[in-house]
Amino acid sequence: MEKGRRGEAAPPGPRSGSSLQQVGPARGSSRVRLVGLLRNGPPFGPTRPGFWRSPLRGPWLTSVLGAVLLVGIPLMFVTGLLSYAAYNPDLGANDKTPDRGWLGFYLFSWPTDPHWLYRLTQGVHVTLGIALIPVLLAKLWSVVPKLFSWPPVKSVGHALERLSVLLLVGGVLFEFATGVLNVQLDYIFPGSFYPLHFYGAWVFIGAFVVHIAFRIPLTVRMLRSGGLRDELRGQSKTGGTSPSDPTGLVSPRPAVPTMSRRGALGMVGAGSLVLLAVTAGQSIGGWLRPTALLAPRGQDPGPGPNGFQVNKTAASVGIRAVDMGVAWRLVVRGGGRERVLTREEVLALPQHGAALPIACVEGWSTEDQEWSGVRLSDLAALVGFTLRPPGVFVQSAQLSGSFRSTTLRDNQVRDPRSLLALRVNGADLSPDHGFPARIIVPANPGVHNTKWVTRLTFGENV
C-alpha cells in the first residue's frame, strides 16, 4: 500500500524542495530555531514590551523633554564652537586638534571686544551643560525601551537607524561625561580632553541633526495634541494618554501610577535648578561665588590683592625659585632684533592699566582685576614694530604640561589693554599668578594668558 495516503501520517523529514535540504541537520536546526525566535517575539527580559511598565512613558513626555534639549544642545554646541575659535587654533602650536581638516571651516579672528566675551560664552557652555544633565537622563529613561526593541535589526534601513541611535546616545553620554570630568579637573579618560571633546562633539551633533530631521514632525504633533497647559495644572493623574503611539513607548500593561507626568517634569526641573544654583556662581561671581559648591574654582581663594582664583599653581608646574628670582630675564625678539630686559628695566618702561577678568575653559571666571604692566604693542616697538605690530609667540618658564606657550593674534597685540602684566590690584603678582610677569589680554581664554613669561617673539611662529 502506498505510504502517505489519506488518514496516514506523513513520513518524517523535510518536504521536497525545502531549503533545509540544502544544509546539514545542525545548520538546519539552528536556522529553524533562529527563525522561530524572530517570529515568536522577544525571548525574555528588557526586549519584551511588557518589561517596561511605567505609565509615564509615551511620545508626549519624550517630546517635552526632547523640546528642551532641542533648544539647549544647539546652544551648547554653538558656545563650544566659539570656545574653540577663541583659542585661535589656526595659529602656531595653539591647536590641540591638528587633524581637524574641514571641521575648522568656521574659524575667525577672535575679537578682544567685549572684554568679557569669553567669560560669557564659556560660562554659558559649562553651566548650561551641567543644568541639562537631569533633562538628558530623563530623556534617555523615557526612550530606553526603544534601545531594546526586537528584533534588533529588521532591514538595512533599520540597521542604519539603529546605528544613528547608537552614535546619538553614545555621543551625548561621552560629551557630557568628558565635559563634567574636565570641569572637576578629573582627567581619567585616555588622551587629551581637547581632541576627545572636539571630535566627539562633531560625531554627536551629526547624529543629533539626523535624529531631529526624522523626529521633529512627531515632536510637534505630540506637543500640540498633549495639552501641556492641562498637564502642568495637574488635571490628569497619569498625564493622560496620547491619541496614538507611533513610537511603541507606551507599555501594553502599565503599572499603577505613583506620580503624574507633571510631577515627573517637576522633579527633572528641580534637579536642573539645583545644579544651576550650585554651579552658576563660579561664572557670575560676586556674592554668588560661594554657592558654586560643585566647582573646584568656585570658592573664595583668600584675601589680598592676589586673592582671586588660579588654575595652575607655580609648584604644580615645576616653577622654581630661580625662575622667579633676580636672574629672571625677558627676551624680546622679532624682525632680526633682540632685547634682553631685567624686571627693573621692564618696570621702567611706560606702565599702563587694564581692568580684565580671568576666564577658564572649565567654566569658572573672576571679576575684573586691575592689572598694570607694559603694553604688548610697546614691547613690539622695542624690536622695530612701531606700526601695526604682528602677532606674538609667548613662552613661559614652565617646562612641561599643556599651554606652556601660546600664540596671540595681531589684533590682540594691538589692543591697548593687552599687557605684559607685572602687578595686579596694586601689588606685585604672586608666584601662583605668574610672577615676575604674565600675559593678560581681553576676551582671551585663561590658559592663553600665559604666566611666568620669559620670551616674546613677534612676527615669527605666528
Protein backbone atom coordinates (compact mmCIF):
# COMPACT_ATOMS: atom_id res chain seq x y z
CA MET A 1 0.00 0.00 0.00
CA GLU A 2 1.30 3.43 -0.83
CA LYS A 3 2.53 5.35 2.19
CA GLY A 4 1.19 8.83 2.83
CA ARG A 5 -2.42 8.04 1.81
CA ARG A 6 -5.28 9.98 3.42
CA GLY A 7 -5.57 9.10 7.10
CA GLU A 8 -1.95 8.04 7.47
CA ALA A 9 0.84 10.07 8.99
CA ALA A 10 3.16 11.77 6.59
CA PRO A 11 6.72 10.46 6.61
CA PRO A 12 9.16 12.36 8.82
CA GLY A 13 11.78 14.68 7.40
CA PRO A 14 11.75 17.83 5.32
CA ARG A 15 9.41 18.22 2.41
CA SER A 16 10.69 18.09 -1.10
CA GLY A 17 12.07 21.42 -2.22
CA SER A 18 12.56 22.70 1.32
CA SER A 19 15.58 24.93 1.79
CA LEU A 20 16.56 22.77 4.73
CA GLN A 21 17.54 20.06 2.29
CA GLN A 22 20.36 22.32 1.19
CA VAL A 23 22.13 22.29 4.55
CA GLY A 24 23.19 19.75 7.14
CA PRO A 25 21.00 18.80 10.10
CA ALA A 26 22.84 21.00 12.62
CA ARG A 27 22.77 24.13 10.48
CA GLY A 28 19.17 23.48 9.53
CA SER A 29 18.01 23.13 13.11
CA SER A 30 19.89 26.32 14.09
CA ARG A 31 18.19 28.22 11.32
CA VAL A 32 14.81 26.90 12.34
CA ARG A 33 15.40 28.00 15.92
CA LEU A 34 16.55 31.46 14.79
CA VAL A 35 13.55 31.94 12.50
CA GLY A 36 11.25 30.74 15.28
CA LEU A 37 12.87 33.12 17.75
CA LEU A 38 12.36 36.08 15.43
CA ARG A 39 8.77 35.10 14.63
CA ASN A 40 7.73 34.30 18.18
CA GLY A 41 8.86 37.65 19.57
CA PRO A 42 11.49 38.69 22.08
CA PRO A 43 12.80 35.89 24.29
CA PHE A 44 12.93 37.48 27.76
CA GLY A 45 13.78 40.49 29.91
CA PRO A 46 14.06 44.06 28.59
CA THR A 47 13.39 43.03 24.99
CA ARG A 48 9.75 42.26 25.86
CA PRO A 49 7.41 45.29 25.70
CA GLY A 50 5.72 44.30 28.96
CA PHE A 51 9.04 44.51 30.80
CA TRP A 52 8.82 48.33 30.85
CA ARG A 53 5.70 49.15 32.86
CA SER A 54 5.93 52.82 33.78
CA PRO A 55 2.65 54.55 32.86
CA LEU A 56 4.53 57.82 32.34
CA ARG A 57 6.39 56.72 29.25
CA GLY A 58 4.99 57.78 25.95
CA PRO A 59 5.62 60.05 22.98
CA TRP A 60 4.21 63.12 24.77
CA LEU A 61 6.66 63.06 27.70
CA THR A 62 9.55 62.20 25.40
CA SER A 63 8.58 65.09 23.13
CA VAL A 64 8.52 67.61 26.00
CA LEU A 65 11.97 66.55 27.19
CA GLY A 66 13.22 66.49 23.61
CA ALA A 67 11.97 70.03 23.05
CA VAL A 68 14.07 71.27 25.98
CA LEU A 69 17.14 69.52 24.60
CA LEU A 70 16.35 70.83 21.13
CA VAL A 71 16.93 74.34 22.49
CA GLY A 72 19.72 73.59 24.96
CA ILE A 73 22.01 71.32 22.95
CA PRO A 74 22.40 73.60 19.89
CA LEU A 75 23.20 76.49 22.25
CA MET A 76 25.83 74.34 23.94
CA PHE A 77 27.25 73.32 20.56
CA VAL A 78 27.50 76.91 19.32
CA THR A 79 29.17 78.15 22.51
CA GLY A 80 31.54 75.18 22.29
CA LEU A 81 32.49 76.19 18.75
CA LEU A 82 33.08 79.73 19.99
CA SER A 83 35.29 78.39 22.76
CA TYR A 84 37.37 76.54 20.19
CA ALA A 85 37.62 79.65 18.00
CA ALA A 86 38.77 81.70 21.00
CA TYR A 87 41.91 79.56 21.17
CA ASN A 88 42.96 80.82 17.72
CA PRO A 89 43.76 77.22 16.76
CA ASP A 90 44.95 78.22 13.29
CA LEU A 91 48.00 79.94 14.80
CA GLY A 92 51.31 78.36 15.73
CA ALA A 93 51.05 75.49 18.20
CA ASN A 94 47.71 76.61 19.63
CA ASP A 95 45.76 73.79 18.01
CA LYS A 96 45.33 70.68 20.15
CA THR A 97 43.36 69.03 17.31
CA PRO A 98 45.83 69.21 14.38
CA ASP A 99 43.83 66.86 12.14
CA ARG A 100 40.56 68.80 12.27
CA GLY A 101 40.53 69.41 8.49
CA TRP A 102 37.30 70.98 7.28
CA LEU A 103 35.85 70.84 10.82
CA GLY A 104 37.54 74.19 11.36
CA PHE A 105 35.72 75.81 8.42
CA TYR A 106 34.08 78.44 10.63
CA LEU A 107 37.19 79.76 12.42
CA PHE A 108 37.60 83.52 12.57
CA SER A 109 39.84 86.07 14.24
CA TRP A 110 38.72 86.04 17.86
CA PRO A 111 37.89 89.63 18.94
CA THR A 112 39.02 91.48 22.04
CA ASP A 113 35.70 93.29 22.48
CA PRO A 114 33.70 93.00 24.58
CA HIS A 115 36.39 92.11 27.09
CA TRP A 116 34.02 89.71 28.92
CA LEU A 117 33.06 87.78 25.76
CA TYR A 118 34.88 84.53 26.60
CA ARG A 119 33.71 84.74 30.19
CA LEU A 120 30.12 84.81 28.93
CA THR A 121 30.29 82.16 26.19
CA GLN A 122 32.23 79.61 28.22
CA GLY A 123 30.20 80.26 31.35
CA VAL A 124 27.01 79.57 29.40
CA HIS A 125 28.53 76.47 27.80
CA VAL A 126 29.57 74.83 31.06
CA THR A 127 26.67 75.99 33.25
CA LEU A 128 24.03 75.03 30.71
CA GLY A 129 25.65 71.65 30.15
CA ILE A 130 25.55 70.80 33.83
CA ALA A 131 21.98 72.09 34.26
CA LEU A 132 20.78 69.91 31.36
CA ILE A 133 22.03 66.66 32.89
CA PRO A 134 18.70 65.79 34.60
CA VAL A 135 16.81 66.52 31.37
CA LEU A 136 19.19 64.33 29.39
CA LEU A 137 18.91 61.43 31.84
CA ALA A 138 15.12 61.72 31.90
CA LYS A 139 15.01 61.74 28.10
CA LEU A 140 17.15 58.58 27.93
CA TRP A 141 14.93 56.95 30.57
CA SER A 142 11.84 57.80 28.55
CA VAL A 143 13.12 56.04 25.43
CA VAL A 144 15.03 53.15 26.99
CA PRO A 145 12.53 50.53 25.72
CA LYS A 146 13.45 51.50 22.17
CA LEU A 147 17.08 50.68 22.86
CA PHE A 148 15.99 47.05 23.47
CA SER A 149 13.47 46.81 20.63
CA TRP A 150 13.00 43.40 18.99
CA PRO A 151 14.17 42.22 16.57
CA PRO A 152 17.42 44.15 16.83
CA VAL A 153 17.62 44.59 13.06
CA LYS A 154 14.74 44.31 10.62
CA SER A 155 16.30 45.61 7.43
CA VAL A 156 19.24 47.57 6.08
CA GLY A 157 17.36 50.82 6.69
CA HIS A 158 16.52 49.78 10.22
CA ALA A 159 20.17 48.85 10.82
CA LEU A 160 21.24 52.34 9.74
CA GLU A 161 18.65 53.89 12.03
CA ARG A 162 19.90 51.80 14.95
CA LEU A 163 23.45 52.86 14.16
CA SER A 164 22.45 56.52 14.24
CA VAL A 165 20.77 55.98 17.63
CA LEU A 166 23.94 54.32 18.91
CA LEU A 167 26.01 57.31 17.79
CA LEU A 168 23.45 59.71 19.27
CA VAL A 169 23.23 58.08 22.70
CA GLY A 170 26.91 57.19 22.89
CA GLY A 171 27.94 60.64 21.66
CA VAL A 172 25.81 62.61 24.11
CA LEU A 173 26.90 60.49 27.08
CA PHE A 174 30.55 60.84 26.04
CA GLU A 175 30.32 64.61 25.61
CA PHE A 176 28.55 65.23 28.90
CA ALA A 177 30.84 62.83 30.80
CA THR A 178 34.10 64.30 29.48
CA GLY A 179 32.79 67.83 29.99
CA VAL A 180 31.88 67.21 33.63
CA LEU A 181 35.21 65.48 34.28
CA ASN A 182 37.06 68.42 32.77
CA VAL A 183 35.17 70.88 34.97
CA GLN A 184 36.08 68.76 38.00
CA LEU A 185 39.74 68.54 36.87
CA ASP A 186 39.48 64.75 36.89
CA TYR A 187 41.20 63.59 33.69
CA ILE A 188 40.59 59.85 33.98
CA PHE A 189 39.88 59.43 30.27
CA PRO A 190 42.68 58.36 27.91
CA GLY A 191 44.27 61.10 25.86
CA SER A 192 43.82 64.85 25.87
CA PHE A 193 40.44 66.36 26.68
CA TYR A 194 40.56 68.81 23.77
CA PRO A 195 40.64 66.42 20.76
CA LEU A 196 38.37 63.92 22.51
CA HIS A 197 35.71 66.52 23.26
CA PHE A 198 36.13 68.24 19.89
CA TYR A 199 35.75 65.17 17.68
CA GLY A 200 33.12 63.67 19.97
CA ALA A 201 31.05 66.84 19.59
CA TRP A 202 31.04 66.60 15.80
CA VAL A 203 30.08 62.91 15.85
CA PHE A 204 27.27 63.63 18.28
CA ILE A 205 25.92 66.71 16.51
CA GLY A 206 25.83 64.84 13.20
CA ALA A 207 23.72 62.07 14.75
CA PHE A 208 21.62 64.71 16.54
CA VAL A 209 20.78 66.52 13.31
CA VAL A 210 19.79 63.27 11.59
CA HIS A 211 17.65 62.29 14.56
CA ILE A 212 15.90 65.67 14.68
CA ALA A 213 15.21 65.58 10.96
CA PHE A 214 13.23 62.37 11.40
CA ARG A 215 11.62 63.13 14.76
CA ILE A 216 10.69 66.81 14.66
CA PRO A 217 7.29 66.24 12.94
CA LEU A 218 6.29 63.72 15.61
CA THR A 219 7.53 66.01 18.40
CA VAL A 220 5.47 68.92 17.11
CA ARG A 221 2.39 66.73 16.70
CA MET A 222 2.68 65.32 20.22
CA LEU A 223 3.17 68.72 21.82
CA ARG A 224 0.14 70.12 20.02
CA SER A 225 -2.09 67.22 20.99
CA GLY A 226 -0.89 66.58 24.53
CA GLY A 227 -2.33 69.57 26.35
CA LEU A 228 0.79 70.94 28.03
CA ARG A 229 -1.20 73.54 29.97
CA ASP A 230 -3.58 70.91 31.33
CA GLU A 231 -0.67 68.66 32.27
CA LEU A 232 1.05 71.41 34.24
CA ARG A 233 -2.20 72.23 36.01
CA GLY A 234 -2.34 68.64 37.21
CA GLN A 235 -5.73 67.84 35.70
CA SER A 236 -4.69 64.28 34.92
CA LYS A 237 -3.21 61.83 37.37
CA THR A 238 -1.17 59.92 34.86
CA GLY A 239 -0.73 62.75 32.44
CA GLY A 240 -3.33 61.37 30.10
CA THR A 241 -2.67 59.31 27.02
CA SER A 242 -1.55 60.36 23.61
CA PRO A 243 -4.04 59.92 20.80
CA SER A 244 -1.68 57.42 19.21
CA ASP A 245 1.61 55.77 19.96
CA PRO A 246 3.69 55.57 16.80
CA THR A 247 6.81 55.09 18.88
CA GLY A 248 5.95 51.96 20.84
CA LEU A 249 6.89 53.62 24.12
CA VAL A 250 3.55 53.12 25.86
CA SER A 251 3.56 49.97 27.99
CA PRO A 252 0.98 47.34 26.97
CA ARG A 253 0.37 46.57 30.67
CA PRO A 254 1.30 49.71 32.64
CA ALA A 255 1.79 49.60 36.40
CA VAL A 256 -0.31 51.64 38.80
CA PRO A 257 0.92 55.26 38.59
CA THR A 258 2.72 56.69 41.60
CA MET A 259 3.04 60.21 40.20
CA SER A 260 1.73 62.32 37.38
CA ARG A 261 3.71 63.43 34.41
CA ARG A 262 3.53 66.91 35.89
CA GLY A 263 5.32 65.51 38.95
CA ALA A 264 7.95 63.85 36.78
CA LEU A 265 8.61 67.05 34.87
CA GLY A 266 8.74 68.92 38.19
CA MET A 267 11.39 66.56 39.52
CA VAL A 268 13.51 66.97 36.40
CA GLY A 269 13.12 70.75 36.51
CA ALA A 270 14.01 70.88 40.20
CA GLY A 271 17.13 68.80 39.57
CA SER A 272 18.23 71.19 36.83
CA LEU A 273 17.60 74.22 39.04
CA VAL A 274 19.64 72.70 41.89
CA LEU A 275 22.58 72.01 39.59
CA LEU A 276 22.28 75.51 38.17
CA ALA A 277 22.30 77.00 41.67
CA VAL A 278 25.44 75.14 42.76
CA THR A 279 27.34 75.82 39.53
CA ALA A 280 26.49 79.26 38.10
CA GLY A 281 28.24 81.19 40.87
CA GLN A 282 31.66 80.20 39.56
CA SER A 283 30.96 82.20 36.39
CA ILE A 284 28.79 85.01 37.73
CA GLY A 285 30.99 85.75 40.74
CA GLY A 286 30.24 88.32 43.40
CA TRP A 287 28.07 87.20 46.30
CA LEU A 288 27.00 84.14 44.28
CA ARG A 289 30.50 82.66 44.13
CA PRO A 290 30.24 80.80 47.47
CA THR A 291 27.17 78.98 46.12
CA ALA A 292 29.28 77.18 43.49
CA LEU A 293 29.58 74.08 45.65
CA LEU A 294 30.37 71.71 42.79
CA ALA A 295 33.02 73.90 41.16
CA PRO A 296 36.69 73.34 42.09
CA ARG A 297 37.41 77.00 41.39
CA GLY A 298 34.17 78.34 42.79
CA GLN A 299 35.19 79.18 46.33
CA ASP A 300 36.97 82.23 47.70
CA PRO A 301 40.75 81.67 47.47
CA GLY A 302 41.57 84.14 50.23
CA PRO A 303 42.06 87.87 50.88
CA GLY A 304 44.53 90.35 49.49
CA PRO A 305 45.30 91.83 46.06
CA ASN A 306 46.13 88.36 44.70
CA GLY A 307 43.09 86.77 46.34
CA PHE A 308 41.31 85.51 43.24
CA GLN A 309 41.04 82.14 41.54
CA VAL A 310 44.04 80.41 39.98
CA ASN A 311 44.15 77.35 37.75
CA LYS A 312 47.73 76.07 37.99
CA THR A 313 49.99 76.93 40.89
CA ALA A 314 53.69 77.58 40.46
CA ALA A 315 54.54 74.43 42.40
CA SER A 316 52.20 72.23 40.34
CA VAL A 317 54.02 73.02 37.08
CA GLY A 318 57.56 72.94 38.45
CA ILE A 319 58.34 76.66 38.63
CA ARG A 320 61.48 77.06 40.76
CA ALA A 321 62.66 79.95 42.89
CA VAL A 322 65.41 80.70 40.37
CA ASP A 323 62.77 81.13 37.65
CA MET A 324 61.27 83.99 39.65
CA GLY A 325 64.44 85.47 41.19
CA VAL A 326 66.88 88.22 40.27
CA ALA A 327 68.27 86.10 37.43
CA TRP A 328 64.97 86.31 35.54
CA ARG A 329 65.21 87.94 32.13
CA LEU A 330 62.65 88.84 29.50
CA VAL A 331 63.83 88.20 25.94
CA VAL A 332 62.02 90.19 23.25
CA ARG A 333 62.74 89.15 19.67
CA GLY A 334 61.44 89.96 16.18
CA GLY A 335 62.44 91.37 12.82
CA GLY A 336 66.01 90.21 13.33
CA ARG A 337 66.38 92.18 16.56
CA GLU A 338 66.58 91.11 20.20
CA ARG A 339 66.34 92.88 23.53
CA VAL A 340 67.02 91.28 26.92
CA LEU A 341 65.46 93.05 29.90
CA THR A 342 65.61 92.65 33.66
CA ARG A 343 62.41 93.09 35.65
CA GLU A 344 63.61 96.51 36.76
CA GLU A 345 64.06 97.53 33.13
CA VAL A 346 60.59 96.27 32.27
CA LEU A 347 59.19 98.26 35.21
CA ALA A 348 60.99 101.35 33.88
CA LEU A 349 59.03 101.16 30.62
CA PRO A 350 55.74 103.10 30.36
CA GLN A 351 53.19 101.35 32.57
CA HIS A 352 49.50 101.07 31.72
CA GLY A 353 46.45 99.60 33.41
CA ALA A 354 43.52 97.43 32.35
CA ALA A 355 40.52 96.01 34.20
CA LEU A 356 40.10 92.46 32.88
CA PRO A 357 38.81 89.11 34.18
CA ILE A 358 40.36 85.66 34.03
CA ALA A 359 38.01 83.16 32.36
CA CYS A 360 38.80 79.46 32.08
CA VAL A 361 37.63 76.69 29.79
CA GLU A 362 36.39 74.87 32.91
CA GLY A 363 33.64 77.48 33.24
CA TRP A 364 34.94 79.47 36.19
CA SER A 365 35.97 83.10 35.96
CA THR A 366 36.90 86.07 38.13
CA GLU A 367 35.55 89.57 38.30
CA ASP A 368 37.59 92.28 36.59
CA GLN A 369 41.01 92.63 38.20
CA GLU A 370 43.11 95.81 37.96
CA TRP A 371 46.25 94.80 36.06
CA SER A 372 49.23 97.04 35.33
CA GLY A 373 52.25 96.48 33.12
CA VAL A 374 53.69 97.14 29.67
CA ARG A 375 51.56 97.10 26.58
CA LEU A 376 52.41 94.31 24.17
CA SER A 377 52.44 96.86 21.35
CA ASP A 378 55.14 98.85 23.21
CA LEU A 379 57.25 95.72 23.59
CA ALA A 380 56.85 95.05 19.85
CA ALA A 381 58.13 98.58 19.22
CA LEU A 382 61.36 97.71 21.05
CA VAL A 383 62.28 95.39 18.17
CA GLY A 384 61.15 97.68 15.38
CA PHE A 385 57.40 97.03 15.02
CA THR A 386 56.21 100.56 15.69
CA LEU A 387 53.29 100.48 13.26
CA ARG A 388 50.72 97.66 13.17
CA PRO A 389 52.69 95.13 15.24
CA PRO A 390 52.26 91.47 14.27
CA GLY A 391 51.20 88.55 16.42
CA VAL A 392 53.48 87.21 19.13
CA PHE A 393 54.68 83.81 20.26
CA VAL A 394 54.79 83.72 24.07
CA GLN A 395 56.96 81.28 26.03
CA SER A 396 56.95 80.51 29.74
CA ALA A 397 59.43 79.27 32.32
CA GLN A 398 57.05 76.31 32.70
CA LEU A 399 58.95 73.33 31.28
CA SER A 400 56.19 70.77 30.91
CA GLY A 401 52.43 70.46 30.59
CA SER A 402 49.91 71.96 28.21
CA PHE A 403 49.84 75.65 27.26
CA ARG A 404 53.36 76.49 28.40
CA SER A 405 53.49 78.57 25.23
CA THR A 406 50.85 80.31 23.14
CA THR A 407 50.45 82.43 20.04
CA LEU A 408 48.46 85.66 20.13
CA ARG A 409 46.93 87.20 17.00
CA ASP A 410 47.92 90.65 15.77
CA ASN A 411 44.57 92.21 16.79
CA GLN A 412 45.25 91.01 20.34
CA VAL A 413 48.73 92.52 20.39
CA ARG A 414 47.40 95.84 19.10
CA ASP A 415 44.68 96.20 21.72
CA PRO A 416 45.90 98.81 24.25
CA ARG A 417 44.53 96.67 27.11
CA SER A 418 46.80 93.75 26.19
CA LEU A 419 49.62 93.78 28.70
CA LEU A 420 52.66 92.01 29.95
CA ALA A 421 51.35 92.41 33.48
CA LEU A 422 53.73 92.90 36.41
CA ARG A 423 51.23 93.90 39.09
CA VAL A 424 47.60 93.29 39.96
CA ASN A 425 45.27 95.26 42.22
CA GLY A 426 48.17 97.48 43.28
CA ALA A 427 50.56 94.68 44.31
CA ASP A 428 53.23 92.56 42.64
CA LEU A 429 51.93 89.37 41.10
CA SER A 430 52.07 86.39 43.45
CA PRO A 431 54.03 83.33 42.27
CA ASP A 432 50.77 81.49 41.56
CA HIS A 433 49.52 84.38 39.43
CA GLY A 434 52.64 84.44 37.27
CA PHE A 435 55.38 86.49 38.97
CA PRO A 436 57.59 88.02 37.59
CA ALA A 437 55.38 88.69 34.54
CA ARG A 438 52.34 87.28 32.77
CA ILE A 439 50.15 87.95 29.76
CA ILE A 440 46.68 89.46 30.15
CA VAL A 441 44.53 90.01 27.04
CA PRO A 442 40.84 90.98 26.87
CA ALA A 443 38.37 88.17 25.99
CA ASN A 444 41.22 85.65 25.99
CA PRO A 445 40.89 82.09 27.40
CA GLY A 446 42.68 81.89 30.73
CA VAL A 447 45.21 79.29 29.58
CA HIS A 448 46.38 81.71 26.86
CA ASN A 449 47.10 84.42 29.43
CA THR A 450 50.48 82.77 29.89
CA LYS A 451 52.19 83.04 33.27
CA TRP A 452 55.91 83.18 34.17
CA VAL A 453 56.73 84.68 30.76
CA THR A 454 60.37 84.57 29.68
CA ARG A 455 60.31 85.18 25.91
CA LEU A 456 58.22 87.15 23.41
CA THR A 457 58.83 86.58 19.70
CA PHE A 458 56.98 88.99 17.41
CA GLY A 459 56.18 88.06 13.83
CA GLU A 460 57.61 84.56 13.98
CA ASN A 461 55.92 81.20 14.74
CA VAL A 462 52.66 83.07 14.13
